[in-house]
Amino acid sequence: MNILVVEDERNLADAIVRILSDADYNAEAVYDGKSGLTACESGLYDAVIMDGMLPGMDGIEICTRIREESGVPIIMLTARTDTADVV
């Protein structure tokens, strides 16, 4: 399984990639929203783990644009606490 990690905090992104790789997943990280969308559009990934707040384009906008083209599973990470944002 190929997993894309879209996270602007490089240490966190690299840690997630390392954990996934240790669990025998093929994981790759990009560090901003536009790169995340471009990578998703390639169709190479079976799942995406994405930060909700990214530079260049936020995770919600990326998710919306991905959904226009693909049903790839997306896990959103967020530090937001507002219930509407989390849901």
C-alpha atoms as a PDB file:
ATOM      1  CA  MET A   1       0.000   0.000   0.000  1.00  0.00           C
ATOM      2  CA  ASN A   2       1.301   3.444  -0.948  1.00  0.00           C
ATOM      3  CA  ILE A   3       0.513   6.196   1.539  1.00  0.00           C
ATOM      4  CA  LEU A   4       1.042   9.926   1.065  1.00  0.00           C
ATOM      5  CA  VAL A   5       1.686  12.066   4.143  1.00  0.00           C
ATOM      6  CA  VAL A   6       0.931  15.778   3.670  1.00  0.00           C
ATOM      7  CA  GLU A   7       2.254  17.640   6.708  1.00  0.00           C
ATOM      8  CA  ASP A   8       4.145  20.938   6.928  1.00  0.00           C
ATOM      9  CA  GLU A   9       5.927  20.068  10.167  1.00  0.00           C
ATOM     10  CA  ARG A  10       8.821  18.074   8.732  1.00  0.00           C
ATOM     11  CA  ASN A  11       9.699  16.279  11.973  1.00  0.00           C
ATOM     12  CA  LEU A  12       6.132  15.033  12.368  1.00  0.00           C
ATOM     13  CA  ALA A  13       5.838  14.076   8.692  1.00  0.00           C
ATOM     14  CA  ASP A  14       9.123  12.181   8.790  1.00  0.00           C
ATOM     15  CA  ALA A  15       8.098  10.386  11.996  1.00  0.00           C
ATOM     16  CA  ILE A  16       4.795   9.287  10.430  1.00  0.00           C
ATOM     17  CA  VAL A  17       6.621   8.062   7.310  1.00  0.00           C
ATOM     18  CA  ARG A  18       9.092   6.133   9.465  1.00  0.00           C
ATOM     19  CA  ILE A  19       6.318   4.483  11.491  1.00  0.00           C
ATOM     20  CA  LEU A  20       4.410   3.516   8.357  1.00  0.00           C
ATOM     21  CA  SER A  21       7.573   2.209   6.696  1.00  0.00           C
ATOM     22  CA  ASP A  22       8.356   0.110   9.770  1.00  0.00           C
ATOM     23  CA  ALA A  23       4.867  -1.389   9.369  1.00  0.00           C
ATOM     24  CA  ASP A  24       5.718  -2.353   5.757  1.00  0.00           C
ATOM     25  CA  TYR A  25       3.804   0.443   4.023  1.00  0.00           C
ATOM     26  CA  ASN A  26       5.348   2.502   1.236  1.00  0.00           C
ATOM     27  CA  ALA A  27       5.083   6.015   2.619  1.00  0.00           C
ATOM     28  CA  GLU A  28       6.198   9.335   1.234  1.00  0.00           C
ATOM     29  CA  ALA A  29       5.881  12.881   2.590  1.00  0.00           C
ATOM     30  CA  VAL A  30       5.306  16.276   1.035  1.00  0.00           C
ATOM     31  CA  TYR A  31       5.331  19.445   3.072  1.00  0.00           C
ATOM     32  CA  ASP A  32       2.791  21.875   1.610  1.00  0.00           C
ATOM     33  CA  GLY A  33      -0.714  21.890   0.212  1.00  0.00           C
ATOM     34  CA  LYS A  34       0.056  22.404  -3.467  1.00  0.00           C
ATOM     35  CA  SER A  35       2.591  19.556  -3.474  1.00  0.00           C
ATOM     36  CA  GLY A  36       0.045  17.390  -1.691  1.00  0.00           C
ATOM     37  CA  LEU A  37      -2.628  18.042  -4.302  1.00  0.00           C
ATOM     38  CA  THR A  38      -0.199  17.422  -7.158  1.00  0.00           C
ATOM     39  CA  ALA A  39       0.934  14.145  -5.577  1.00  0.00           C
ATOM     40  CA  CYS A  40      -2.672  13.033  -5.022  1.00  0.00           C
ATOM     41  CA  GLU A  41      -3.573  13.802  -8.616  1.00  0.00           C
ATOM     42  CA  SER A  42      -0.859  11.392  -9.767  1.00  0.00           C
ATOM     43  CA  GLY A  43      -3.068   8.485  -8.661  1.00  0.00           C
ATOM     44  CA  LEU A  44      -0.104   6.651  -7.132  1.00  0.00           C
ATOM     45  CA  TYR A  45      -1.439   6.550  -3.573  1.00  0.00           C
ATOM     46  CA  ASP A  46      -3.865   4.167  -1.900  1.00  0.00           C
ATOM     47  CA  ALA A  47      -4.415   6.444   1.114  1.00  0.00           C
ATOM     48  CA  VAL A  48      -3.552   9.963   2.293  1.00  0.00           C
ATOM     49  CA  ILE A  49      -2.762  11.250   5.774  1.00  0.00           C
ATOM     50  CA  MET A  50      -3.069  15.022   5.736  1.00  0.00           C
ATOM     51  CA  ASP A  51      -2.770  17.977   8.074  1.00  0.00           C
ATOM     52  CA  GLY A  52      -5.818  20.214   8.116  1.00  0.00           C
ATOM     53  CA  MET A  53      -3.789  23.415   8.152  1.00  0.00           C
ATOM     54  CA  LEU A  54      -1.116  23.626   5.452  1.00  0.00           C
ATOM     55  CA  PRO A  55       0.753  26.438   3.739  1.00  0.00           C
ATOM     56  CA  GLY A  56      -0.278  27.207   0.174  1.00  0.00           C
ATOM     57  CA  MET A  57      -3.608  25.386   0.342  1.00  0.00           C
ATOM     58  CA  ASP A  58      -5.334  24.023   3.442  1.00  0.00           C
ATOM     59  CA  GLY A  59      -6.233  20.388   3.949  1.00  0.00           C
ATOM     60  CA  ILE A  60      -9.980  20.974   3.614  1.00  0.00           C
ATOM     61  CA  GLU A  61      -9.556  22.529   0.162  1.00  0.00           C
ATOM     62  CA  ILE A  62      -7.230  19.721  -0.918  1.00  0.00           C
ATOM     63  CA  CYS A  63      -9.703  17.117   0.355  1.00  0.00           C
ATOM     64  CA  THR A  64     -12.540  18.796  -1.542  1.00  0.00           C
ATOM     65  CA  ARG A  65     -10.525  18.825  -4.762  1.00  0.00           C
ATOM     66  CA  ILE A  66      -9.423  15.203  -4.332  1.00  0.00           C
ATOM     67  CA  ARG A  67     -13.054  14.144  -3.816  1.00  0.00           C
ATOM     68  CA  GLU A  68     -13.962  15.678  -7.184  1.00  0.00           C
ATOM     69  CA  GLU A  69     -11.737  13.061  -8.839  1.00  0.00           C
ATOM     70  CA  SER A  70     -11.091  10.203  -6.406  1.00  0.00           C
ATOM     71  CA  GLY A  71     -12.438   8.168  -3.522  1.00  0.00           C
ATOM     72  CA  VAL A  72      -8.982   7.558  -2.025  1.00  0.00           C
ATOM     73  CA  PRO A  73      -9.225   7.233   1.787  1.00  0.00           C
ATOM     74  CA  ILE A  74      -8.078  10.393   3.591  1.00  0.00           C
ATOM     75  CA  ILE A  75      -7.207  10.720   7.259  1.00  0.00           C
ATOM     76  CA  MET A  76      -7.131  14.333   8.409  1.00  0.00           C
ATOM     77  CA  LEU A  77      -4.891  15.395  11.276  1.00  0.00           C
ATOM     78  CA  THR A  78      -5.894  18.594  13.030  1.00  0.00           C
ATOM     79  CA  ALA A  79      -5.006  20.700  16.022  1.00  0.00           C
ATOM     80  CA  ARG A  80      -8.313  22.529  15.678  1.00  0.00           C
ATOM     81  CA  THR A  81     -10.676  22.081  18.585  1.00  0.00           C
ATOM     82  CA  ASP A  82     -13.895  23.579  17.232  1.00  0.00           C
ATOM     83  CA  THR A  83     -16.398  20.738  16.795  1.00  0.00           C
ATOM     84  CA  ALA A  84     -17.451  21.910  13.321  1.00  0.00           C
ATOM     85  CA  ASP A  85     -13.815  21.880  12.153  1.00  0.00           C
ATOM     86  CA  VAL A  86     -13.135  18.445  13.609  1.00  0.00           C
ATOM     87  CA  VAL A  87     -16.269  16.887  12.098  1.00  0.00           C
END
